Amino acid sequence: MAAAAAARAVPVNPMFGGLKRTLPLVVILGATGTGKSTLALQLGQRLGGEIVSADSMQVYEGLDIITNKVSAQEQRMCQHHMISFVDPLVTNYTVVDFRNKATALIEDIFARDKIPIIVGGTNYYVESLLWKVLVNTKSPEAGTEQVVDRKAELEKEDSHVLHSRLRQVDPEMAAKLHPHDKRKVARSLQVFEETGISHSEFLHRQHSEEGGSPLGGPLKFPNPCILWLHADQTVLDERLDKRVDDMLAAGLLEELRDFHRRYNQKNSSKNSQDYQHGIFQSIGFKEFHEYLVTEGKCTPETSNQLLKKGIESLKQVTKRYARKQNRWVKNRFLSRPGPRAPAVYGLEVSDVSKWKESVLDPALDIVHSFIQGHKPAATPVKMPHNETENKRSYHMCDVCDRIIIGDREWAAHVKSKSHLHQLKKRRLDSDAISTTGSQTTSPDCDTEPKEDGAPGQNDPELKSSI
């Protein structure tokens, strides 16, 4: 069943007045720690909906505490999908696999006259369910392993070699991707190798389809209701620190020890652990790597220091990830031009004591408006954007020997402390060279001047080109 057909106008539950409406696809966005799962559960219970997790780590069995999975009791309160169904040793589960399975589930939920509620913090998983943005290079008879192995093969090569190869077959995409972004570069090469069509050409075709936009191809489902939970950054940071402490109290270390013993100890002993693929890339696992591999092999003092280091690292990485998730919402939804970008409704979650009046009740009002075919009374979140800004422009900083992608990123770089420091250092070096050069050619100096056209070791032009 096609996605659009699945979300057709259907009879709604009696609680909605028996009206025939196009049921919405409810999508809950927000950084980790903002209460996305709580709101999803509350909406699911009140609307008779079903929850589809869009979290790349929660698809795996195990590490329930560190991946913050909803409890078995919460899953009984409202039907949840896409949680704990992939073997933890599988490292080739991709967003394409997720999209195919989750899309079929959403279509089935719609077909049963229920509302699907997408919740999760994995950006590209959420996008795969909203837009036609992915290129599926798998042939009908090809297995997952065949396709992913090719991408994994490419990722083993040098990043600059890969980027150079991409420049030859798809210069447009190469100009948008940083050479160090090995995963995306490998993915674009994979698309070309397996289809004969450049990745950029695929995206152009999707954008030009009816309903396409700068965000991607047409919407998969015609009536998305997008809610964004956001909080004051200081409040969120404190909440995330407390959440790590709560995880530790709930048995996080025992969970990590057991998982390490069953799945990772052998790899660690051979120094072949892979924290870039599968469940092992979960935030929190690699942060405790030193502690796990040395536990029982070092002094209690050293072990305790490594434990403290792991805890602090987990807190820092978690807060950094939360900022990244919020940047994605702002850059992908709120700052992008185009009339077809779906509206996003913001809900302030800083004060959890006011959850009902500030979050739950407004969310229910917004979703009910979508169900009834009305425009919500709430105003969508808007952010000013520069229509001429190029988010994928290529800049080479000769001073810092760095490649910067994006106009905004370039503007920030040239004002950064590191760039200004390098500029100052270069000026001082240049002044020192000029002074040395003038002393060398001084009439009072015993050293004869060099012949014209024969640059010396301290020639500023020569030095700047080295």
Protein backbone atom coordinates (compact mmCIF):
# COMPACT_ATOMS: atom_id res chain seq x y z
CA MET A 1 0.00 0.00 0.00
CA ALA A 2 1.40 3.37 -0.95
CA ALA A 3 2.19 5.73 1.90
CA ALA A 4 -0.14 8.44 0.64
CA ALA A 5 -2.98 5.97 0.22
CA ALA A 6 -2.40 4.64 3.72
CA ALA A 7 -2.97 8.09 5.18
CA ARG A 8 -6.14 8.66 3.16
CA ALA A 9 -9.30 10.09 4.66
CA VAL A 10 -10.55 7.37 6.97
CA PRO A 11 -13.25 7.02 9.62
CA VAL A 12 -11.88 8.29 12.91
CA ASN A 13 -12.54 6.78 16.31
CA PRO A 14 -15.84 7.85 17.94
CA MET A 15 -13.82 9.96 20.41
CA PHE A 16 -13.10 12.30 17.47
CA GLY A 17 -16.81 12.70 16.65
CA GLY A 18 -16.90 10.08 13.92
CA LEU A 19 -15.63 12.57 11.34
CA LYS A 20 -13.83 11.40 8.21
CA ARG A 21 -10.50 13.17 8.14
CA THR A 22 -6.95 12.64 6.96
CA LEU A 23 -5.29 11.33 10.08
CA PRO A 24 -2.03 13.11 10.95
CA LEU A 25 1.38 11.56 11.31
CA VAL A 26 2.45 12.94 14.69
CA VAL A 27 6.20 13.53 14.96
CA ILE A 28 7.81 14.52 18.27
CA LEU A 29 11.23 16.17 17.96
CA GLY A 30 13.58 17.41 20.63
CA ALA A 31 16.95 16.93 22.25
CA THR A 32 17.62 14.03 24.56
CA GLY A 33 16.23 14.72 28.02
CA THR A 34 13.33 16.92 26.92
CA GLY A 35 10.63 14.31 27.62
CA LYS A 36 9.82 13.11 24.09
CA SER A 37 9.00 9.56 25.22
CA THR A 38 6.78 10.83 28.04
CA LEU A 39 4.73 13.01 25.71
CA ALA A 40 4.50 10.24 23.11
CA LEU A 41 3.13 7.84 25.73
CA GLN A 42 0.58 10.37 26.98
CA LEU A 43 -0.61 11.22 23.45
CA GLY A 44 -0.72 7.56 22.51
CA GLN A 45 -2.96 6.72 25.48
CA ARG A 46 -5.30 9.66 24.96
CA LEU A 47 -5.54 9.43 21.15
CA GLY A 48 -5.54 5.65 20.84
CA GLY A 49 -2.36 5.91 18.78
CA GLU A 50 0.69 3.69 18.42
CA ILE A 51 4.30 4.76 18.93
CA VAL A 52 7.07 4.17 16.37
CA SER A 53 10.56 4.68 17.78
CA ALA A 54 13.03 6.49 15.51
CA ASP A 55 16.15 5.83 17.55
CA SER A 56 19.06 4.10 15.82
CA MET A 57 20.32 2.51 19.06
CA GLN A 58 16.98 1.35 20.45
CA VAL A 59 16.48 -1.03 17.53
CA TYR A 60 19.14 -3.29 19.08
CA GLU A 61 18.55 -5.80 21.85
CA GLY A 62 20.34 -4.95 25.08
CA LEU A 63 21.78 -1.82 26.74
CA ASP A 64 18.27 -0.77 27.76
CA ILE A 65 19.48 1.71 30.38
CA ILE A 66 22.10 3.50 28.34
CA THR A 67 19.84 3.77 25.26
CA ASN A 68 17.02 5.01 27.52
CA LYS A 69 14.38 2.57 26.28
CA VAL A 70 10.86 2.79 27.62
CA SER A 71 10.11 0.15 30.22
CA ALA A 72 8.11 -3.03 29.58
CA GLN A 73 5.31 -1.56 31.67
CA GLU A 74 5.19 1.59 29.51
CA GLN A 75 5.17 -0.53 26.38
CA ARG A 76 2.10 -2.35 27.73
CA MET A 77 0.36 0.98 28.34
CA CYS A 78 0.66 1.90 24.65
CA GLN A 79 1.78 -0.17 21.66
CA HIS A 80 5.43 0.56 20.75
CA HIS A 81 7.24 -0.49 17.57
CA MET A 82 10.86 -0.62 16.33
CA ILE A 83 12.44 -1.40 19.72
CA SER A 84 14.82 -4.29 20.58
CA PHE A 85 14.46 -6.43 17.47
CA VAL A 86 17.99 -6.40 15.95
CA ASP A 87 20.75 -8.69 17.24
CA PRO A 88 23.41 -6.56 19.00
CA LEU A 89 26.19 -8.18 16.95
CA VAL A 90 24.65 -7.01 13.67
CA THR A 91 26.65 -4.01 12.44
CA ASN A 92 25.11 -3.61 8.98
CA TYR A 93 21.60 -2.47 9.92
CA THR A 94 21.04 0.75 7.98
CA VAL A 95 18.62 3.64 7.78
CA VAL A 96 17.25 2.06 4.59
CA ASP A 97 16.35 -1.08 6.54
CA PHE A 98 14.74 1.08 9.22
CA ARG A 99 12.80 3.15 6.71
CA ASN A 100 11.39 0.13 4.89
CA LYS A 101 10.20 -1.61 8.07
CA ALA A 102 8.91 1.53 9.81
CA THR A 103 7.08 2.80 6.72
CA ALA A 104 5.21 -0.49 6.43
CA LEU A 105 4.28 -0.26 10.12
CA ILE A 106 2.99 3.31 9.73
CA GLU A 107 0.89 2.28 6.74
CA ASP A 108 -0.60 -0.56 8.78
CA ILE A 109 -1.37 1.77 11.70
CA PHE A 110 -3.15 4.18 9.35
CA ALA A 111 -5.04 1.29 7.75
CA ARG A 112 -6.37 0.38 11.21
CA ASP A 113 -7.66 3.94 11.65
CA LYS A 114 -5.09 4.78 14.31
CA ILE A 115 -2.59 7.62 14.63
CA PRO A 116 1.14 6.81 14.32
CA ILE A 117 3.34 8.78 16.71
CA ILE A 118 7.00 9.02 15.64
CA VAL A 119 9.38 9.72 18.51
CA GLY A 120 13.15 9.55 18.61
CA GLY A 121 16.31 11.56 18.44
CA THR A 122 18.07 10.02 15.43
CA ASN A 123 17.78 12.80 12.89
CA TYR A 124 18.20 10.84 9.68
CA TYR A 125 15.79 8.13 10.90
CA VAL A 126 13.10 10.78 11.41
CA GLU A 127 13.83 12.35 8.01
CA SER A 128 13.55 8.95 6.31
CA LEU A 129 9.92 8.76 7.46
CA LEU A 130 9.01 12.33 6.54
CA TRP A 131 10.48 12.79 3.07
CA LYS A 132 11.42 10.82 0.06
CA VAL A 133 15.09 11.60 0.55
CA LEU A 134 16.83 8.24 0.48
CA VAL A 135 18.25 6.49 -2.55
CA ASN A 136 17.65 2.76 -2.23
CA THR A 137 20.45 1.05 -4.11
CA LYS A 138 19.32 -2.46 -3.22
CA SER A 139 17.97 -4.62 -5.98
CA PRO A 140 14.88 -6.66 -4.96
CA GLU A 141 16.90 -9.84 -4.64
CA ALA A 142 19.91 -8.28 -2.92
CA GLY A 143 20.39 -8.81 0.79
CA THR A 144 21.36 -6.15 3.30
CA GLU A 145 24.77 -7.65 3.79
CA GLN A 146 25.79 -7.26 0.16
CA VAL A 147 24.97 -3.54 0.04
CA VAL A 148 26.33 -2.56 3.42
CA ASP A 149 29.53 -4.52 2.93
CA ARG A 150 30.38 -2.33 -0.06
CA LYS A 151 29.91 0.83 1.98
CA ALA A 152 31.92 -0.67 4.82
CA GLU A 153 34.67 -1.54 2.34
CA LEU A 154 34.79 2.07 1.17
CA GLU A 155 34.92 3.39 4.74
CA LYS A 156 38.14 1.45 5.31
CA GLU A 157 39.96 3.54 2.70
CA ASP A 158 41.70 6.86 3.30
CA SER A 159 39.18 9.70 3.55
CA HIS A 160 41.08 11.99 1.17
CA VAL A 161 41.36 9.20 -1.42
CA LEU A 162 37.62 8.62 -1.19
CA HIS A 163 36.86 12.33 -1.52
CA SER A 164 39.17 12.61 -4.54
CA ARG A 165 37.35 9.71 -6.19
CA LEU A 166 33.99 11.34 -5.47
CA ARG A 167 35.20 14.60 -7.03
CA GLN A 168 35.79 12.69 -10.27
CA VAL A 169 32.35 11.02 -10.47
CA ASP A 170 30.16 13.54 -8.62
CA PRO A 171 31.91 16.93 -8.24
CA GLU A 172 28.70 18.62 -7.06
CA MET A 173 28.28 16.27 -4.10
CA ALA A 174 32.01 16.32 -3.36
CA ALA A 175 31.87 20.11 -3.05
CA LYS A 176 29.15 19.75 -0.40
CA LEU A 177 30.88 17.13 1.73
CA HIS A 178 33.91 17.57 3.95
CA PRO A 179 36.71 15.10 3.11
CA HIS A 180 36.65 13.90 6.73
CA ASP A 181 32.93 13.05 6.53
CA LYS A 182 33.85 9.54 5.45
CA ARG A 183 30.42 7.98 5.94
CA LYS A 184 28.60 10.42 3.66
CA VAL A 185 31.39 10.37 1.08
CA ALA A 186 31.31 6.56 1.07
CA ARG A 187 27.53 6.58 0.76
CA SER A 188 27.65 8.87 -2.29
CA LEU A 189 30.29 6.67 -3.92
CA GLN A 190 28.16 3.62 -3.16
CA VAL A 191 25.16 5.21 -4.86
CA PHE A 192 27.18 5.91 -8.01
CA GLU A 193 28.85 2.51 -8.10
CA GLU A 194 25.63 0.56 -7.69
CA THR A 195 23.33 2.64 -9.89
CA GLY A 196 25.59 4.41 -12.37
CA ILE A 197 23.84 7.67 -11.44
CA SER A 198 25.45 10.33 -9.27
CA HIS A 199 24.00 10.95 -5.82
CA SER A 200 23.48 14.64 -6.60
CA GLU A 201 21.45 13.73 -9.69
CA PHE A 202 19.21 11.48 -7.59
CA LEU A 203 18.58 14.34 -5.18
CA HIS A 204 17.85 16.79 -8.02
CA ARG A 205 15.24 14.37 -9.34
CA GLN A 206 13.62 14.06 -5.92
CA HIS A 207 13.53 17.83 -5.36
CA SER A 208 11.96 18.40 -8.79
CA GLU A 209 9.15 15.91 -8.21
CA GLU A 210 5.72 17.33 -7.57
CA GLY A 211 5.64 18.27 -3.88
CA GLY A 212 9.42 18.35 -3.65
CA SER A 213 11.26 21.13 -1.83
CA PRO A 214 14.77 22.14 -0.70
CA LEU A 215 14.23 19.74 2.20
CA GLY A 216 13.98 16.74 -0.09
CA GLY A 217 11.44 14.95 -2.21
CA PRO A 218 7.70 14.99 -1.57
CA LEU A 219 6.37 14.27 1.89
CA LYS A 220 5.77 10.57 2.43
CA PHE A 221 2.57 11.24 4.36
CA PRO A 222 0.34 14.22 3.56
CA ASN A 223 -0.56 15.49 7.03
CA PRO A 224 2.48 15.65 9.35
CA CYS A 225 1.93 17.23 12.77
CA ILE A 226 5.38 18.12 14.11
CA LEU A 227 5.94 19.02 17.76
CA TRP A 228 9.32 20.28 19.03
CA LEU A 229 10.14 20.06 22.72
CA HIS A 230 12.77 22.61 23.74
CA ALA A 231 14.20 23.86 27.02
CA ASP A 232 16.54 26.49 28.37
CA GLN A 233 20.06 25.17 27.74
CA THR A 234 21.23 25.58 31.35
CA VAL A 235 18.17 23.75 32.64
CA LEU A 236 18.63 20.98 30.08
CA ASP A 237 22.33 20.59 30.95
CA GLU A 238 21.46 20.13 34.62
CA ARG A 239 18.73 17.66 33.70
CA LEU A 240 21.11 15.63 31.55
CA ASP A 241 23.74 15.48 34.29
CA LYS A 242 21.08 14.19 36.67
CA ARG A 243 19.92 11.67 34.10
CA VAL A 244 23.41 10.17 33.92
CA ASP A 245 23.44 9.94 37.72
CA ASP A 246 20.03 8.25 37.61
CA MET A 247 21.31 5.77 35.01
CA LEU A 248 24.21 4.87 37.28
CA ALA A 249 21.80 4.35 40.18
CA ALA A 250 19.62 2.15 37.94
CA GLY A 251 22.50 -0.23 37.22
CA LEU A 252 24.30 1.27 34.23
CA LEU A 253 27.71 -0.12 35.18
CA GLU A 254 26.36 -3.63 35.63
CA GLU A 255 24.67 -3.40 32.24
CA LEU A 256 27.89 -2.23 30.57
CA ARG A 257 30.00 -4.92 32.27
CA ASP A 258 27.63 -7.68 31.22
CA PHE A 259 27.37 -6.43 27.65
CA HIS A 260 31.14 -5.96 27.40
CA ARG A 261 31.76 -9.49 28.71
CA ARG A 262 29.27 -11.09 26.32
CA TYR A 263 29.89 -9.13 23.15
CA ASN A 264 33.01 -6.97 23.23
CA GLN A 265 35.69 -8.50 25.46
CA LYS A 266 37.11 -10.71 22.72
CA ASN A 267 37.36 -7.79 20.30
CA SER A 268 38.98 -5.59 22.95
CA SER A 269 41.65 -8.20 23.67
CA LYS A 270 42.53 -8.19 19.97
CA ASN A 271 42.28 -4.38 19.84
CA SER A 272 39.65 -4.77 17.11
CA GLN A 273 36.63 -3.25 18.83
CA ASP A 274 34.44 -1.19 16.52
CA TYR A 275 32.76 1.82 18.10
CA GLN A 276 31.67 3.24 14.75
CA HIS A 277 28.97 0.73 13.82
CA GLY A 278 26.02 -1.02 15.40
CA ILE A 279 25.03 -0.72 19.03
CA PHE A 280 28.66 -0.22 20.08
CA GLN A 281 28.44 3.37 18.86
CA SER A 282 25.88 4.11 21.60
CA ILE A 283 26.76 7.19 23.60
CA GLY A 284 28.19 5.82 26.83
CA PHE A 285 29.76 2.57 25.68
CA LYS A 286 33.05 3.84 24.31
CA GLU A 287 33.27 6.46 27.07
CA PHE A 288 33.76 3.61 29.56
CA HIS A 289 36.12 1.61 27.34
CA GLU A 290 39.25 2.16 29.45
CA TYR A 291 37.39 1.38 32.64
CA LEU A 292 35.87 -1.83 31.24
CA VAL A 293 39.07 -3.27 29.73
CA THR A 294 41.25 -2.54 32.78
CA GLU A 295 38.78 -3.42 35.55
CA GLY A 296 40.43 -5.98 37.83
CA LYS A 297 43.80 -5.46 36.15
CA CYS A 298 44.83 -2.21 37.82
CA THR A 299 44.84 -0.68 41.28
CA PRO A 300 41.51 0.37 42.83
CA GLU A 301 42.70 3.98 42.74
CA THR A 302 43.38 3.83 38.99
CA SER A 303 40.09 2.04 38.34
CA ASN A 304 38.21 4.67 40.31
CA GLN A 305 39.90 7.46 38.34
CA LEU A 306 38.93 5.79 35.05
CA LEU A 307 35.36 5.41 36.28
CA LYS A 308 35.15 9.10 37.16
CA LYS A 309 36.64 9.96 33.78
CA GLY A 310 34.01 7.81 32.04
CA ILE A 311 31.15 9.40 33.97
CA GLU A 312 32.36 12.93 33.22
CA SER A 313 32.91 12.06 29.58
CA LEU A 314 29.40 10.59 29.31
CA LYS A 315 27.90 13.77 30.73
CA GLN A 316 29.86 15.98 28.34
CA VAL A 317 29.08 13.88 25.26
CA THR A 318 25.39 13.70 26.18
CA LYS A 319 25.14 17.49 26.47
CA ARG A 320 27.04 17.93 23.22
CA TYR A 321 24.67 15.53 21.48
CA ALA A 322 21.64 17.44 22.79
CA ARG A 323 22.99 20.63 21.23
CA LYS A 324 23.54 18.81 17.94
CA GLN A 325 19.94 17.57 17.94
CA ASN A 326 18.62 21.10 18.48
CA ARG A 327 20.84 22.49 15.73
CA TRP A 328 19.40 19.90 13.38
CA VAL A 329 15.82 20.98 14.13
CA LYS A 330 16.70 24.64 13.63
CA ASN A 331 18.74 24.12 10.48
CA ARG A 332 16.59 21.45 8.86
CA PHE A 333 13.10 22.68 9.73
CA LEU A 334 13.14 26.25 10.98
CA SER A 335 15.79 28.01 8.90
CA ARG A 336 15.14 26.38 5.54
CA PRO A 337 13.36 28.29 2.77
CA GLY A 338 10.50 26.79 0.79
CA PRO A 339 6.71 26.97 1.07
CA ARG A 340 6.32 23.21 1.45
CA ALA A 341 8.34 22.88 4.64
CA PRO A 342 5.95 21.45 7.26
CA ALA A 343 5.07 23.66 10.22
CA VAL A 344 6.76 22.96 13.54
CA TYR A 345 4.99 23.73 16.82
CA GLY A 346 7.25 24.48 19.78
CA LEU A 347 6.53 23.36 23.33
CA GLU A 348 8.57 24.79 26.23
CA VAL A 349 9.61 22.03 28.66
CA SER A 350 11.99 23.84 31.01
CA ASP A 351 9.60 23.71 33.97
CA VAL A 352 8.37 20.13 34.33
CA SER A 353 6.08 21.17 37.20
CA LYS A 354 3.97 22.90 34.53
CA TRP A 355 4.02 19.95 32.14
CA LYS A 356 0.24 19.60 31.78
CA GLU A 357 -0.53 23.23 31.02
CA SER A 358 2.68 23.97 29.07
CA VAL A 359 3.20 20.73 27.15
CA LEU A 360 0.47 18.08 27.25
CA ASP A 361 -2.64 20.24 26.88
CA PRO A 362 -1.20 22.40 24.06
CA ALA A 363 0.05 19.26 22.28
CA LEU A 364 -3.41 17.68 22.46
CA ASP A 365 -5.02 20.88 21.14
CA ILE A 366 -2.62 20.97 18.19
CA VAL A 367 -3.11 17.30 17.29
CA HIS A 368 -6.92 17.58 17.60
CA SER A 369 -6.83 20.53 15.18
CA PHE A 370 -4.95 18.40 12.65
CA ILE A 371 -7.44 15.55 13.10
CA GLN A 372 -10.38 17.88 12.52
CA GLY A 373 -8.75 19.54 9.53
CA HIS A 374 -8.40 22.93 11.23
CA LYS A 375 -5.41 25.20 11.50
CA PRO A 376 -4.12 25.06 15.11
CA ALA A 377 -4.55 28.17 17.25
CA ALA A 378 -0.88 27.87 18.22
CA THR A 379 1.63 29.72 16.06
CA PRO A 380 4.34 27.61 14.39
CA VAL A 381 7.95 28.35 15.31
CA LYS A 382 9.68 30.65 12.83
CA MET A 383 13.34 31.53 12.50
CA PRO A 384 14.80 34.21 10.24
CA HIS A 385 16.82 32.80 7.38
CA ASN A 386 19.04 34.18 4.67
CA GLU A 387 17.67 33.10 1.30
CA THR A 388 21.09 33.58 -0.31
CA GLU A 389 22.94 31.55 2.32
CA ASN A 390 24.59 28.44 0.94
CA LYS A 391 24.74 25.73 3.59
CA ARG A 392 27.01 23.56 1.44
CA SER A 393 29.49 26.10 0.05
CA TYR A 394 33.15 25.06 0.00
CA HIS A 395 35.84 27.20 1.63
CA MET A 396 39.56 26.50 2.02
CA CYS A 397 41.32 28.36 4.83
CA ASP A 398 44.99 28.56 3.80
CA VAL A 399 45.90 30.09 7.16
CA CYS A 400 44.57 27.15 9.20
CA ASP A 401 44.88 24.52 6.45
CA ARG A 402 41.24 23.57 6.94
CA ILE A 403 38.24 22.98 4.71
CA ILE A 404 35.03 24.65 5.89
CA ILE A 405 31.60 23.75 4.48
CA GLY A 406 28.79 26.33 4.58
CA ASP A 407 28.58 30.13 4.49
CA ARG A 408 27.59 30.42 8.15
CA GLU A 409 30.33 28.05 9.26
CA TRP A 410 32.89 30.02 7.22
CA ALA A 411 31.77 33.33 8.73
CA ALA A 412 32.11 31.82 12.20
CA HIS A 413 35.53 30.34 11.39
CA VAL A 414 37.14 33.61 10.26
CA LYS A 415 36.05 35.17 13.57
CA SER A 416 37.15 32.22 15.69
CA LYS A 417 39.98 32.41 18.24
CA SER A 418 41.94 29.66 16.52
CA HIS A 419 41.84 31.40 13.12
CA LEU A 420 42.75 34.81 14.59
CA HIS A 421 45.58 33.18 16.54
CA GLN A 422 46.99 31.63 13.36
CA LEU A 423 46.71 34.98 11.56
CA LYS A 424 48.59 36.74 14.35
CA LYS A 425 51.24 34.03 14.39
CA ARG A 426 51.72 34.30 10.63
CA ARG A 427 52.07 38.09 10.86
CA LEU A 428 54.69 37.80 13.61
CA ASP A 429 56.60 35.22 11.58
CA SER A 430 56.43 37.44 8.53
CA ASP A 431 57.64 40.50 10.49
CA ALA A 432 60.51 38.48 11.93
CA ILE A 433 61.52 37.31 8.47
CA SER A 434 61.35 40.86 7.09
CA THR A 435 63.54 42.12 9.94
CA THR A 436 66.07 39.35 9.33
CA GLY A 437 66.08 40.11 5.64
CA SER A 438 66.71 43.83 6.15
CA GLN A 439 69.57 43.08 8.52
CA THR A 440 71.11 40.71 5.98
CA THR A 441 71.17 43.39 3.26
CA SER A 442 72.31 46.22 5.57
CA PRO A 443 75.44 48.09 4.40
CA ASP A 444 76.91 47.53 7.84
CA CYS A 445 76.56 43.78 7.49
CA ASP A 446 79.57 41.71 6.45
CA THR A 447 77.41 39.17 4.59
CA GLU A 448 77.08 39.84 0.89
CA PRO A 449 73.50 40.14 -0.46
CA LYS A 450 72.16 37.23 -2.47
CA GLU A 451 71.89 37.53 -6.21
CA ASP A 452 68.59 38.73 -7.67
CA GLY A 453 66.17 35.92 -8.41
CA ALA A 454 67.74 33.51 -5.89
CA PRO A 455 65.36 33.39 -2.89
CA GLY A 456 66.99 32.57 0.39
CA GLN A 457 65.86 30.30 3.17
CA ASN A 458 64.04 33.10 4.97
CA ASP A 459 62.21 34.43 1.91
CA PRO A 460 58.64 35.11 3.13
CA GLU A 461 57.14 34.06 -0.21
CA LEU A 462 59.03 30.80 -0.15
CA LYS A 463 58.09 30.12 3.46
CA SER A 464 54.41 30.78 2.89
CA SER A 465 54.36 28.26 0.05
CA ILE A 466 55.95 25.42 2.02
